[in-house]
């Protein structure tokens, strides 16, 4: 039960709770990976690694990938080949979450409209009763 409390505190909206609890492992991994790949720490880390890679190979500190850095290009291609499907998977999950959120909001709006109509009907009955009571006294 502690896991549910953690999830409900992190994802307050019922749709987010349901989608997180029911999400397959692959979707959770895709969300985590794309969340990191779309962050400043990832951009900074990748820039530092590429800088070290280029400087180290140009100044012969290590010389396993000389200019034009074919192995570095292979690494970027591999990263892109895995990143694109993960980004699409996370995007599909986001679209599903948006769709479910809109459906949930529409259902809540319908409930609110029904309650408002009920309150207005009760108010009209009370006003009619008050008018009737006022007519009897006068």
C-alpha atoms as a PDB file:
ATOM      1  CA  UNK A   1       0.000   0.000   0.000  1.00  0.00           C
ATOM      2  CA  UNK A   2       2.980   2.301   0.552  1.00  0.00           C
ATOM      3  CA  UNK A   3       3.778   2.166  -3.175  1.00  0.00           C
ATOM      4  CA  UNK A   4       0.293   3.452  -4.011  1.00  0.00           C
ATOM      5  CA  UNK A   5       0.681   6.366  -1.606  1.00  0.00           C
ATOM      6  CA  UNK A   6       3.978   7.284  -3.218  1.00  0.00           C
ATOM      7  CA  UNK A   7       2.405   7.121  -6.666  1.00  0.00           C
ATOM      8  CA  UNK A   8      -0.659   9.109  -5.599  1.00  0.00           C
ATOM      9  CA  UNK A   9       1.489  11.817  -4.025  1.00  0.00           C
ATOM     10  CA  UNK A  10       3.606  12.101  -7.169  1.00  0.00           C
ATOM     11  CA  UNK A  11       0.773  11.895  -9.714  1.00  0.00           C
ATOM     12  CA  UNK A  12      -2.190  13.578  -8.035  1.00  0.00           C
ATOM     13  CA  UNK A  13      -4.649  13.413 -10.917  1.00  0.00           C
ATOM     14  CA  UNK A  14      -6.583  10.110 -11.040  1.00  0.00           C
ATOM     15  CA  UNK A  15      -5.771   9.668 -14.732  1.00  0.00           C
ATOM     16  CA  UNK A  16      -2.044   9.959 -14.049  1.00  0.00           C
ATOM     17  CA  UNK A  17      -2.304   7.469 -11.195  1.00  0.00           C
ATOM     18  CA  UNK A  18      -4.177   4.965 -13.367  1.00  0.00           C
ATOM     19  CA  UNK A  19      -1.788   5.325 -16.298  1.00  0.00           C
ATOM     20  CA  UNK A  20       1.290   5.010 -14.088  1.00  0.00           C
ATOM     21  CA  UNK A  21       0.020   1.991 -12.183  1.00  0.00           C
ATOM     22  CA  UNK A  22      -1.114   0.215 -15.362  1.00  0.00           C
ATOM     23  CA  UNK A  23       1.893   1.205 -17.501  1.00  0.00           C
ATOM     24  CA  UNK A  24       3.991  -1.699 -18.787  1.00  0.00           C
ATOM     25  CA  UNK A  25       7.658  -1.839 -17.855  1.00  0.00           C
ATOM     26  CA  UNK A  26       8.703  -0.816 -21.379  1.00  0.00           C
ATOM     27  CA  UNK A  27       6.648   2.360 -21.198  1.00  0.00           C
ATOM     28  CA  UNK A  28       8.094   3.253 -17.803  1.00  0.00           C
ATOM     29  CA  UNK A  29      11.625   2.716 -19.125  1.00  0.00           C
ATOM     30  CA  UNK A  30      10.881   4.795 -22.234  1.00  0.00           C
ATOM     31  CA  UNK A  31       9.518   7.627 -20.079  1.00  0.00           C
ATOM     32  CA  UNK A  32      12.577   7.545 -17.823  1.00  0.00           C
ATOM     33  CA  UNK A  33      15.067   7.439 -20.709  1.00  0.00           C
ATOM     34  CA  UNK A  34      13.386  10.185 -22.713  1.00  0.00           C
ATOM     35  CA  UNK A  35      12.969  12.230 -19.551  1.00  0.00           C
ATOM     36  CA  UNK A  36      16.733  12.074 -19.016  1.00  0.00           C
ATOM     37  CA  UNK A  37      17.635  12.533 -22.688  1.00  0.00           C
ATOM     38  CA  UNK A  38      15.520  15.678 -22.832  1.00  0.00           C
ATOM     39  CA  UNK A  39      17.210  17.287 -19.844  1.00  0.00           C
ATOM     40  CA  UNK A  40      20.046  19.740 -19.365  1.00  0.00           C
ATOM     41  CA  UNK A  41      22.172  17.260 -17.388  1.00  0.00           C
ATOM     42  CA  UNK A  42      22.149  14.913 -20.406  1.00  0.00           C
ATOM     43  CA  UNK A  43      23.066  17.695 -22.839  1.00  0.00           C
ATOM     44  CA  UNK A  44      25.903  18.850 -20.589  1.00  0.00           C
ATOM     45  CA  UNK A  45      27.151  15.289 -19.990  1.00  0.00           C
ATOM     46  CA  UNK A  46      27.084  14.468 -23.701  1.00  0.00           C
ATOM     47  CA  UNK A  47      28.891  17.719 -24.553  1.00  0.00           C
ATOM     48  CA  UNK A  48      31.617  16.978 -22.000  1.00  0.00           C
ATOM     49  CA  UNK A  49      32.056  13.400 -23.296  1.00  0.00           C
ATOM     50  CA  UNK A  50      32.261  14.559 -26.927  1.00  0.00           C
ATOM     51  CA  UNK A  51      34.699  17.320 -25.968  1.00  0.00           C
ATOM     52  CA  UNK A  52      36.957  14.853 -24.146  1.00  0.00           C
ATOM     53  CA  UNK A  53      36.639  12.412 -27.048  1.00  0.00           C
ATOM     54  CA  UNK A  54      37.653  14.985 -29.669  1.00  0.00           C
ATOM     55  CA  UNK A  55      40.422  16.631 -27.629  1.00  0.00           C
ATOM     56  CA  UNK A  56      41.824  13.272 -26.538  1.00  0.00           C
ATOM     57  CA  UNK A  57      41.964  11.952 -30.092  1.00  0.00           C
ATOM     58  CA  UNK A  58      43.273  15.179 -31.673  1.00  0.00           C
ATOM     59  CA  UNK A  59      46.089  15.642 -29.146  1.00  0.00           C
ATOM     60  CA  UNK A  60      46.860  11.909 -29.104  1.00  0.00           C
ATOM     61  CA  UNK A  61      46.071  11.438 -25.400  1.00  0.00           C
ATOM     62  CA  UNK A  62      44.350   8.312 -26.673  1.00  0.00           C
ATOM     63  CA  UNK A  63      44.180   7.492 -30.314  1.00  0.00           C
ATOM     64  CA  UNK A  64      41.492   4.910 -30.952  1.00  0.00           C
ATOM     65  CA  UNK A  65      39.261   7.133 -33.137  1.00  0.00           C
ATOM     66  CA  UNK A  66      41.327   9.508 -35.286  1.00  0.00           C
ATOM     67  CA  UNK A  67      39.781  12.321 -37.293  1.00  0.00           C
ATOM     68  CA  UNK A  68      37.089  12.170 -38.899  1.00  0.00           C
ATOM     69  CA  UNK A  69      35.890  10.352 -35.741  1.00  0.00           C
ATOM     70  CA  UNK A  70      34.086   7.464 -37.398  1.00  0.00           C
ATOM     71  CA  UNK A  71      33.509   5.608 -34.119  1.00  0.00           C
ATOM     72  CA  UNK A  72      32.010   8.771 -32.586  1.00  0.00           C
ATOM     73  CA  UNK A  73      29.636   9.021 -35.570  1.00  0.00           C
ATOM     74  CA  UNK A  74      28.696   5.365 -35.058  1.00  0.00           C
ATOM     75  CA  UNK A  75      27.987   6.059 -31.374  1.00  0.00           C
ATOM     76  CA  UNK A  76      25.737   9.006 -32.282  1.00  0.00           C
ATOM     77  CA  UNK A  77      23.929   6.951 -34.930  1.00  0.00           C
ATOM     78  CA  UNK A  78      23.317   4.157 -32.445  1.00  0.00           C
ATOM     79  CA  UNK A  79      22.061   6.643 -29.864  1.00  0.00           C
ATOM     80  CA  UNK A  80      19.697   8.197 -32.423  1.00  0.00           C
ATOM     81  CA  UNK A  81      18.480   4.763 -33.556  1.00  0.00           C
ATOM     82  CA  UNK A  82      17.410   3.947 -29.999  1.00  0.00           C
ATOM     83  CA  UNK A  83      16.271   7.449 -29.028  1.00  0.00           C
ATOM     84  CA  UNK A  84      13.778   7.938 -31.858  1.00  0.00           C
ATOM     85  CA  UNK A  85      11.544   4.935 -31.050  1.00  0.00           C
ATOM     86  CA  UNK A  86      11.735   5.688 -27.328  1.00  0.00           C
ATOM     87  CA  UNK A  87      10.692   9.281 -27.969  1.00  0.00           C
ATOM     88  CA  UNK A  88       7.772   8.080 -30.105  1.00  0.00           C
ATOM     89  CA  UNK A  89       6.709   5.605 -27.419  1.00  0.00           C
ATOM     90  CA  UNK A  90       6.817   8.310 -24.738  1.00  0.00           C
ATOM     91  CA  UNK A  91       4.918  10.653 -27.065  1.00  0.00           C
ATOM     92  CA  UNK A  92       2.210   8.029 -27.625  1.00  0.00           C
ATOM     93  CA  UNK A  93       1.922   7.564 -23.863  1.00  0.00           C
ATOM     94  CA  UNK A  94       1.638  11.318 -23.427  1.00  0.00           C
ATOM     95  CA  UNK A  95      -1.128  11.475 -26.049  1.00  0.00           C
ATOM     96  CA  UNK A  96      -2.993   8.660 -24.285  1.00  0.00           C
ATOM     97  CA  UNK A  97      -2.636  10.502 -20.969  1.00  0.00           C
ATOM     98  CA  UNK A  98      -3.951  13.723 -22.540  1.00  0.00           C
ATOM     99  CA  UNK A  99      -6.906  11.880 -24.065  1.00  0.00           C
ATOM    100  CA  UNK A 100      -7.756  10.194 -20.752  1.00  0.00           C
ATOM    101  CA  UNK A 101      -7.391  13.499 -18.880  1.00  0.00           C
ATOM    102  CA  UNK A 102      -9.812  15.200 -21.272  1.00  0.00           C
ATOM    103  CA  UNK A 103     -12.323  12.363 -20.911  1.00  0.00           C
ATOM    104  CA  UNK A 104     -12.009  12.549 -17.122  1.00  0.00           C
ATOM    105  CA  UNK A 105     -12.447  16.334 -17.152  1.00  0.00           C
ATOM    106  CA  UNK A 106     -15.523  16.007 -19.387  1.00  0.00           C
ATOM    107  CA  UNK A 107     -17.049  13.451 -17.007  1.00  0.00           C
ATOM    108  CA  UNK A 108     -16.370  15.738 -14.033  1.00  0.00           C
ATOM    109  CA  UNK A 109     -17.931  18.675 -15.907  1.00  0.00           C
ATOM    110  CA  UNK A 110     -21.057  16.601 -16.644  1.00  0.00           C
ATOM    111  CA  UNK A 111     -21.310  15.662 -12.962  1.00  0.00           C
ATOM    112  CA  UNK A 112     -20.908  19.313 -11.969  1.00  0.00           C
ATOM    113  CA  UNK A 113     -23.604  20.351 -14.452  1.00  0.00           C
ATOM    114  CA  UNK A 114     -26.001  17.735 -13.076  1.00  0.00           C
ATOM    115  CA  UNK A 115     -25.355  18.890  -9.495  1.00  0.00           C
ATOM    116  CA  UNK A 116     -25.792  22.515 -10.524  1.00  0.00           C
ATOM    117  CA  UNK A 117     -29.119  21.722 -12.210  1.00  0.00           C
ATOM    118  CA  UNK A 118     -30.269  19.902  -9.076  1.00  0.00           C
ATOM    119  CA  UNK A 119     -29.263  22.840  -6.874  1.00  0.00           C
ATOM    120  CA  UNK A 120     -31.051  25.304  -9.162  1.00  0.00           C
ATOM    121  CA  UNK A 121     -34.214  23.172  -9.121  1.00  0.00           C
ATOM    122  CA  UNK A 122     -34.120  23.004  -5.314  1.00  0.00           C
ATOM    123  CA  UNK A 123     -33.538  26.752  -5.131  1.00  0.00           C
ATOM    124  CA  UNK A 124     -36.536  27.368  -7.407  1.00  0.00           C
ATOM    125  CA  UNK A 125     -38.707  25.177  -5.145  1.00  0.00           C
ATOM    126  CA  UNK A 126     -37.511  27.048  -2.050  1.00  0.00           C
ATOM    127  CA  UNK A 127     -38.205  30.407  -3.694  1.00  0.00           C
ATOM    128  CA  UNK A 128     -41.676  29.204  -4.685  1.00  0.00           C
ATOM    129  CA  UNK A 129     -42.331  28.078  -1.107  1.00  0.00           C
ATOM    130  CA  UNK A 130     -41.102  31.415   0.237  1.00  0.00           C
ATOM    131  CA  UNK A 131     -43.295  33.284  -2.232  1.00  0.00           C
ATOM    132  CA  UNK A 132     -46.263  31.146  -1.184  1.00  0.00           C
ATOM    133  CA  UNK A 133     -45.559  31.788   2.502  1.00  0.00           C
ATOM    134  CA  UNK A 134     -45.169  35.516   1.869  1.00  0.00           C
ATOM    135  CA  UNK A 135     -48.499  35.565   0.000  1.00  0.00           C
ATOM    136  CA  UNK A 136     -50.301  33.923   2.931  1.00  0.00           C
ATOM    137  CA  UNK A 137     -49.030  36.482   5.463  1.00  0.00           C
ATOM    138  CA  UNK A 138     -49.923  39.514   3.385  1.00  0.00           C
END
